[in-house]
Amino acid sequence: MTRRVVVLGDVMLDVIVQPRAEVAPTSDTPATIRVTRGGSGANLAIALRSADHEVVYVGAAGRDAAAEVFVEALREANVTPRLQSFDGATGTVVSLVAPDGQRSMLTDRGVNPRLDETFVSAQLEPSFDHLHVSGYLLLDAATRSVGVKALAEARARGVTTSVDVCSVAPLLEVTPRVFLDAAKEASQLFANEEEALTLSSTSDVESAVNALAALFGEVVVTRGQRGALAARGDERYRVDALDATVLDTTGAGDAATGAYLGARLNGEEPPAALKDAMEAAAHVVSGLGALG
């Protein structure tokens, strides 16, 4: 069943750098470099579109070539962009990929913090079936109220909602209490294991899932090569990751979240949705960059 989903998130350009030798300070290091459309929310939106839902993406972009790359990529994936435009730079992430596929990210959010409530509210006026808010909006004081208000508007209209945590470093900076208060209107919460442990102040993932399930109707925690866990009420679900050659983990969690959410919106039960999530993640990690 096709649903109309609004995704509220950052607009980013990804620069993926994978050194092919030990980095040589003050000199040249051979590397594989890719420049692509980025953004955690956009990765998720494209995964949702792959589940045959109608997807509208709302965010803020500069008037520059990076924004054009982002818009073109969304349109190629049949995601409808609704972007607030500003003078200034579109957000950019430089992702440094280690030999084991793990990455470190250097982030310039550009004009993303300038997204405003009036613009977002206007994009929510047409009817929709689900709202997903990227955690990056809730992690930034400049856009937290935008995300909170959008979640409240959706819930007031009886629309289901979801939030993904996105990043542990800014979560620690703003504190779990602030994030959980901002996300409290969400029907579903998505997090990776590190984020879930931080949010719940627990030391094991099962305890983290139980603690978060007491706050949200449905919780999904991804664990990389150890698969994923989900909770809905008193029910608990677990799935193993699929075997895959890991080249780059960029965007794998977003793809898993989008695939799970897309399956759930199609009426699949959590066990089947978790399997879809693992298939999506395995595809992404086998390629360089979030596009897989």
Protein backbone atom coordinates (compact mmCIF):
# COMPACT_ATOMS: atom_id res chain seq x y z
CA MET A 1 0.00 0.00 0.00
CA THR A 2 1.54 3.29 -1.10
CA ARG A 3 1.84 5.91 1.64
CA ARG A 4 2.74 9.59 1.35
CA VAL A 5 5.74 10.18 3.60
CA VAL A 6 7.34 13.50 4.48
CA VAL A 7 11.00 13.35 5.50
CA LEU A 8 12.42 16.37 7.30
CA GLY A 9 16.21 16.41 7.22
CA ASP A 10 19.52 17.97 6.26
CA VAL A 11 20.67 18.77 2.74
CA MET A 12 24.27 17.60 2.39
CA LEU A 13 26.97 16.88 -0.17
CA ASP A 14 29.18 13.88 0.68
CA VAL A 15 32.89 13.80 -0.13
CA ILE A 16 34.02 10.21 0.51
CA VAL A 17 37.78 9.74 0.92
CA GLN A 18 39.37 6.30 1.20
CA PRO A 19 43.20 6.53 1.42
CA ARG A 20 44.98 3.74 -0.48
CA ALA A 21 48.19 4.13 1.53
CA GLU A 22 49.31 5.50 4.88
CA VAL A 23 48.54 9.20 4.96
CA ALA A 24 51.69 11.21 4.24
CA PRO A 25 51.71 14.48 6.24
CA THR A 26 52.63 17.56 4.16
CA SER A 27 52.61 15.47 0.95
CA ASP A 28 50.36 13.48 -1.40
CA THR A 29 48.51 10.28 -0.49
CA PRO A 30 46.78 8.23 -3.20
CA ALA A 31 43.08 7.83 -2.42
CA THR A 32 39.75 6.90 -3.90
CA ILE A 33 37.44 9.91 -3.72
CA ARG A 34 33.75 10.14 -4.57
CA VAL A 35 31.49 13.20 -4.45
CA THR A 36 27.81 12.33 -4.10
CA ARG A 37 24.51 13.45 -2.71
CA GLY A 38 24.62 12.98 1.07
CA GLY A 39 22.43 13.52 4.09
CA SER A 40 21.19 10.91 6.55
CA GLY A 41 17.57 11.87 5.92
CA ALA A 42 18.02 11.71 2.15
CA ASN A 43 19.55 8.23 2.36
CA LEU A 44 16.48 7.16 4.31
CA ALA A 45 14.10 8.92 1.92
CA ILE A 46 15.51 7.07 -1.08
CA ALA A 47 15.21 3.76 0.75
CA LEU A 48 11.57 4.61 1.50
CA ARG A 49 10.98 5.36 -2.17
CA SER A 50 12.39 1.93 -3.02
CA ALA A 51 9.54 0.50 -0.94
CA ASP A 52 7.13 2.20 -3.39
CA HIS A 53 6.02 5.03 -1.12
CA GLU A 54 5.51 8.60 -2.29
CA VAL A 55 8.26 10.59 -0.55
CA VAL A 56 8.62 14.36 -0.10
CA TYR A 57 11.92 15.66 1.25
CA VAL A 58 11.98 18.94 3.19
CA GLY A 59 15.16 20.80 4.10
CA ALA A 60 17.33 23.88 3.54
CA ALA A 61 19.93 24.36 0.81
CA GLY A 62 22.27 27.03 -0.49
CA ARG A 63 22.08 28.46 -3.96
CA ASP A 64 25.08 26.52 -5.23
CA ALA A 65 26.22 23.54 -7.27
CA ALA A 66 26.05 21.24 -4.24
CA ALA A 67 22.31 21.90 -3.95
CA GLU A 68 21.88 21.10 -7.64
CA VAL A 69 23.63 17.73 -7.15
CA PHE A 70 21.36 16.97 -4.19
CA VAL A 71 18.15 17.90 -6.01
CA GLU A 72 19.10 15.98 -9.14
CA ALA A 73 19.86 12.84 -7.09
CA LEU A 74 16.51 13.02 -5.30
CA ARG A 75 14.62 13.49 -8.53
CA GLU A 76 16.44 10.58 -10.16
CA ALA A 77 15.23 8.47 -7.23
CA ASN A 78 11.67 9.84 -7.67
CA VAL A 79 11.79 11.67 -4.34
CA THR A 80 10.15 15.12 -4.46
CA PRO A 81 12.41 17.87 -3.05
CA ARG A 82 10.85 20.79 -1.19
CA LEU A 83 13.85 22.88 -0.19
CA GLN A 84 14.04 26.29 1.44
CA SER A 85 16.71 28.23 -0.45
CA PHE A 86 19.26 30.59 1.09
CA ASP A 87 22.32 32.55 0.04
CA GLY A 88 25.22 30.58 1.46
CA ALA A 89 26.73 27.11 1.26
CA THR A 90 24.86 23.83 1.18
CA GLY A 91 26.02 21.47 3.93
CA THR A 92 29.01 19.23 3.23
CA VAL A 93 30.46 16.14 4.93
CA VAL A 94 33.96 14.83 4.30
CA SER A 95 33.92 11.14 5.22
CA LEU A 96 37.28 9.48 5.86
CA VAL A 97 36.95 5.72 5.34
CA ALA A 98 39.28 3.40 7.27
CA PRO A 99 40.49 0.02 5.89
CA ASP A 100 37.76 -1.80 7.85
CA GLY A 101 35.04 0.35 6.26
CA GLN A 102 34.37 2.45 9.36
CA ARG A 103 34.37 6.18 8.80
CA SER A 104 35.05 9.47 10.54
CA MET A 105 33.08 12.50 9.41
CA LEU A 106 34.06 16.15 9.18
CA THR A 107 30.85 18.15 8.97
CA ASP A 108 29.95 21.65 7.79
CA ARG A 109 26.16 21.98 8.11
CA GLY A 110 26.12 25.07 5.89
CA VAL A 111 22.67 26.70 5.75
CA ASN A 112 20.83 23.71 7.25
CA PRO A 113 20.40 25.48 10.63
CA ARG A 114 18.43 28.24 8.88
CA LEU A 115 15.44 26.00 8.06
CA ASP A 116 12.43 27.68 9.66
CA GLU A 117 9.10 26.64 11.14
CA THR A 118 6.95 28.66 8.72
CA PHE A 119 8.44 26.95 5.67
CA VAL A 120 8.14 23.48 7.19
CA SER A 121 4.55 24.04 8.31
CA ALA A 122 3.63 25.03 4.76
CA GLN A 123 5.07 21.76 3.44
CA LEU A 124 2.97 19.82 5.94
CA GLU A 125 -0.32 21.38 4.83
CA PRO A 126 -1.09 18.75 2.12
CA SER A 127 -2.24 15.44 3.61
CA PHE A 128 0.41 12.81 4.36
CA ASP A 129 0.54 9.43 6.09
CA HIS A 130 3.84 9.51 7.98
CA LEU A 131 6.45 12.05 9.08
CA HIS A 132 10.08 11.17 9.66
CA VAL A 133 12.37 13.72 11.33
CA SER A 134 16.13 13.32 11.10
CA GLY A 135 17.75 13.47 14.52
CA TYR A 136 20.22 16.05 13.24
CA LEU A 137 17.45 18.66 13.46
CA LEU A 138 16.80 17.78 17.10
CA LEU A 139 20.52 17.71 17.92
CA ASP A 140 21.00 21.31 16.72
CA ALA A 141 19.55 24.03 18.94
CA ALA A 142 18.93 26.15 15.83
CA THR A 143 16.48 23.65 14.33
CA ARG A 144 15.26 21.71 17.37
CA SER A 145 12.02 23.69 17.63
CA VAL A 146 11.38 23.10 13.91
CA GLY A 147 11.51 19.34 14.40
CA VAL A 148 9.53 19.43 17.65
CA LYS A 149 6.74 21.50 16.10
CA ALA A 150 6.56 19.27 13.01
CA LEU A 151 6.25 16.14 15.17
CA ALA A 152 3.54 17.77 17.26
CA GLU A 153 1.60 18.87 14.16
CA ALA A 154 1.72 15.36 12.72
CA ARG A 155 0.62 13.69 15.94
CA ALA A 156 -2.23 16.22 16.33
CA ARG A 157 -3.47 15.10 12.91
CA GLY A 158 -3.29 11.43 13.88
CA VAL A 159 -0.29 10.77 11.63
CA THR A 160 2.44 8.32 12.66
CA THR A 161 5.92 9.73 13.20
CA SER A 162 9.51 8.56 13.54
CA VAL A 163 12.92 9.90 14.54
CA ASP A 164 16.42 8.50 14.10
CA VAL A 165 19.18 9.61 16.47
CA CYS A 166 21.86 9.98 13.75
CA SER A 167 25.07 10.75 15.68
CA VAL A 168 26.43 10.06 19.16
CA ALA A 169 28.92 12.95 19.49
CA PRO A 170 26.32 15.75 19.24
CA LEU A 171 23.95 13.61 21.33
CA LEU A 172 26.48 13.64 24.16
CA GLU A 173 26.91 17.38 23.73
CA VAL A 174 23.20 18.26 23.94
CA THR A 175 22.54 15.44 26.49
CA PRO A 176 20.16 12.48 26.11
CA ARG A 177 17.56 14.25 28.26
CA VAL A 178 17.26 17.14 25.80
CA PHE A 179 17.06 14.81 22.80
CA LEU A 180 14.47 12.51 24.37
CA ASP A 181 12.31 15.47 25.33
CA ALA A 182 12.47 16.79 21.75
CA ALA A 183 11.66 13.36 20.28
CA LYS A 184 8.84 12.44 22.67
CA GLU A 185 6.08 12.91 20.07
CA ALA A 186 7.60 10.22 17.81
CA SER A 187 5.82 6.90 17.38
CA GLN A 188 9.04 5.12 16.42
CA LEU A 189 12.69 5.61 17.41
CA PHE A 190 15.67 4.38 15.41
CA ALA A 191 19.22 4.27 16.80
CA ASN A 192 22.45 2.40 16.41
CA GLU A 193 23.79 0.48 19.40
CA GLU A 194 26.12 3.22 20.62
CA GLU A 195 23.35 5.82 20.42
CA ALA A 196 20.88 3.53 22.20
CA LEU A 197 23.31 2.88 25.06
CA THR A 198 23.95 6.62 25.39
CA LEU A 199 20.24 7.52 25.32
CA SER A 200 19.33 4.92 27.94
CA SER A 201 22.42 5.26 30.17
CA THR A 202 22.76 1.46 30.15
CA SER A 203 25.69 -0.84 29.41
CA ASP A 204 24.03 -3.60 27.36
CA VAL A 205 21.84 -3.40 24.28
CA GLU A 206 18.94 -5.48 25.62
CA SER A 207 18.56 -3.14 28.59
CA ALA A 208 18.78 -0.17 26.25
CA VAL A 209 16.00 -1.54 24.04
CA ASN A 210 13.80 -2.18 27.08
CA ALA A 211 14.38 1.32 28.45
CA LEU A 212 13.62 3.00 25.13
CA ALA A 213 10.59 0.79 24.50
CA ALA A 214 9.07 2.25 27.65
CA LEU A 215 9.22 5.69 25.98
CA PHE A 216 8.31 4.95 22.35
CA GLY A 217 5.76 2.68 20.72
CA GLU A 218 8.36 0.99 18.53
CA VAL A 219 12.16 0.95 18.76
CA VAL A 220 14.78 -0.37 16.33
CA VAL A 221 18.47 -0.62 17.24
CA THR A 222 20.98 -1.51 14.52
CA ARG A 223 24.24 -3.23 15.51
CA GLY A 224 26.33 -3.29 12.34
CA GLN A 225 27.70 -6.77 11.67
CA ARG A 226 25.74 -8.07 14.70
CA GLY A 227 22.37 -7.40 13.09
CA ALA A 228 19.52 -5.50 14.74
CA LEU A 229 16.97 -5.59 17.53
CA ALA A 230 13.42 -4.25 17.57
CA ALA A 231 10.77 -3.77 20.23
CA ARG A 232 7.04 -3.15 19.97
CA GLY A 233 5.22 -3.11 23.28
CA ASP A 234 6.22 -6.27 25.14
CA GLU A 235 7.42 -8.02 21.97
CA ARG A 236 11.13 -8.29 21.16
CA TYR A 237 12.69 -9.25 17.82
CA ARG A 238 16.24 -10.00 16.70
CA VAL A 239 17.86 -10.54 13.31
CA ASP A 240 21.42 -11.36 12.22
CA ALA A 241 23.28 -9.27 9.67
CA LEU A 242 23.83 -10.73 6.22
CA ASP A 243 27.31 -11.72 5.09
CA ALA A 244 28.76 -8.90 3.01
CA THR A 245 32.14 -7.53 2.01
CA VAL A 246 32.39 -4.25 3.91
CA LEU A 247 33.97 -1.50 1.82
CA ASP A 248 32.32 1.53 3.45
CA THR A 249 29.66 1.73 6.19
CA THR A 250 28.50 5.22 5.15
CA GLY A 251 24.70 5.28 4.91
CA ALA A 252 24.17 1.65 5.94
CA GLY A 253 22.18 2.56 9.04
CA ASP A 254 20.08 5.04 7.08
CA ALA A 255 19.32 2.42 4.42
CA ALA A 256 18.36 -0.08 7.11
CA THR A 257 16.08 2.45 8.79
CA GLY A 258 14.43 3.42 5.52
CA ALA A 259 13.90 -0.19 4.49
CA TYR A 260 12.44 -1.12 7.88
CA LEU A 261 10.14 1.90 7.94
CA GLY A 262 9.07 1.34 4.34
CA ALA A 263 8.21 -2.28 5.09
CA ARG A 264 6.27 -1.38 8.23
CA LEU A 265 4.28 1.25 6.32
CA ASN A 266 3.50 -1.50 3.79
CA GLY A 267 1.99 -3.57 6.59
CA GLU A 268 4.87 -5.99 7.19
CA GLU A 269 5.45 -7.22 10.73
CA PRO A 270 8.74 -6.34 12.50
CA PRO A 271 10.54 -9.68 11.78
CA ALA A 272 10.04 -9.30 8.02
CA ALA A 273 10.87 -5.59 8.17
CA LEU A 274 14.13 -6.37 10.00
CA LYS A 275 15.14 -8.78 7.23
CA ASP A 276 14.47 -6.07 4.65
CA ALA A 277 16.63 -3.70 6.71
CA MET A 278 19.56 -6.13 6.76
CA GLU A 279 19.35 -6.66 3.00
CA ALA A 280 19.44 -2.90 2.42
CA ALA A 281 22.41 -2.43 4.75
CA ALA A 282 24.36 -5.29 3.13
CA HIS A 283 23.90 -3.68 -0.27
CA VAL A 284 25.16 -0.28 0.90
CA VAL A 285 28.30 -1.46 2.73
CA SER A 286 29.51 -3.25 -0.40
CA GLY A 287 30.07 0.06 -2.22
CA LEU A 288 31.88 3.34 -1.56
CA GLY A 289 29.56 6.05 -0.28
CA ALA A 290 25.95 6.04 0.86
CA LEU A 291 24.66 5.04 -2.57
CA GLY A 292 26.33 1.65 -2.32
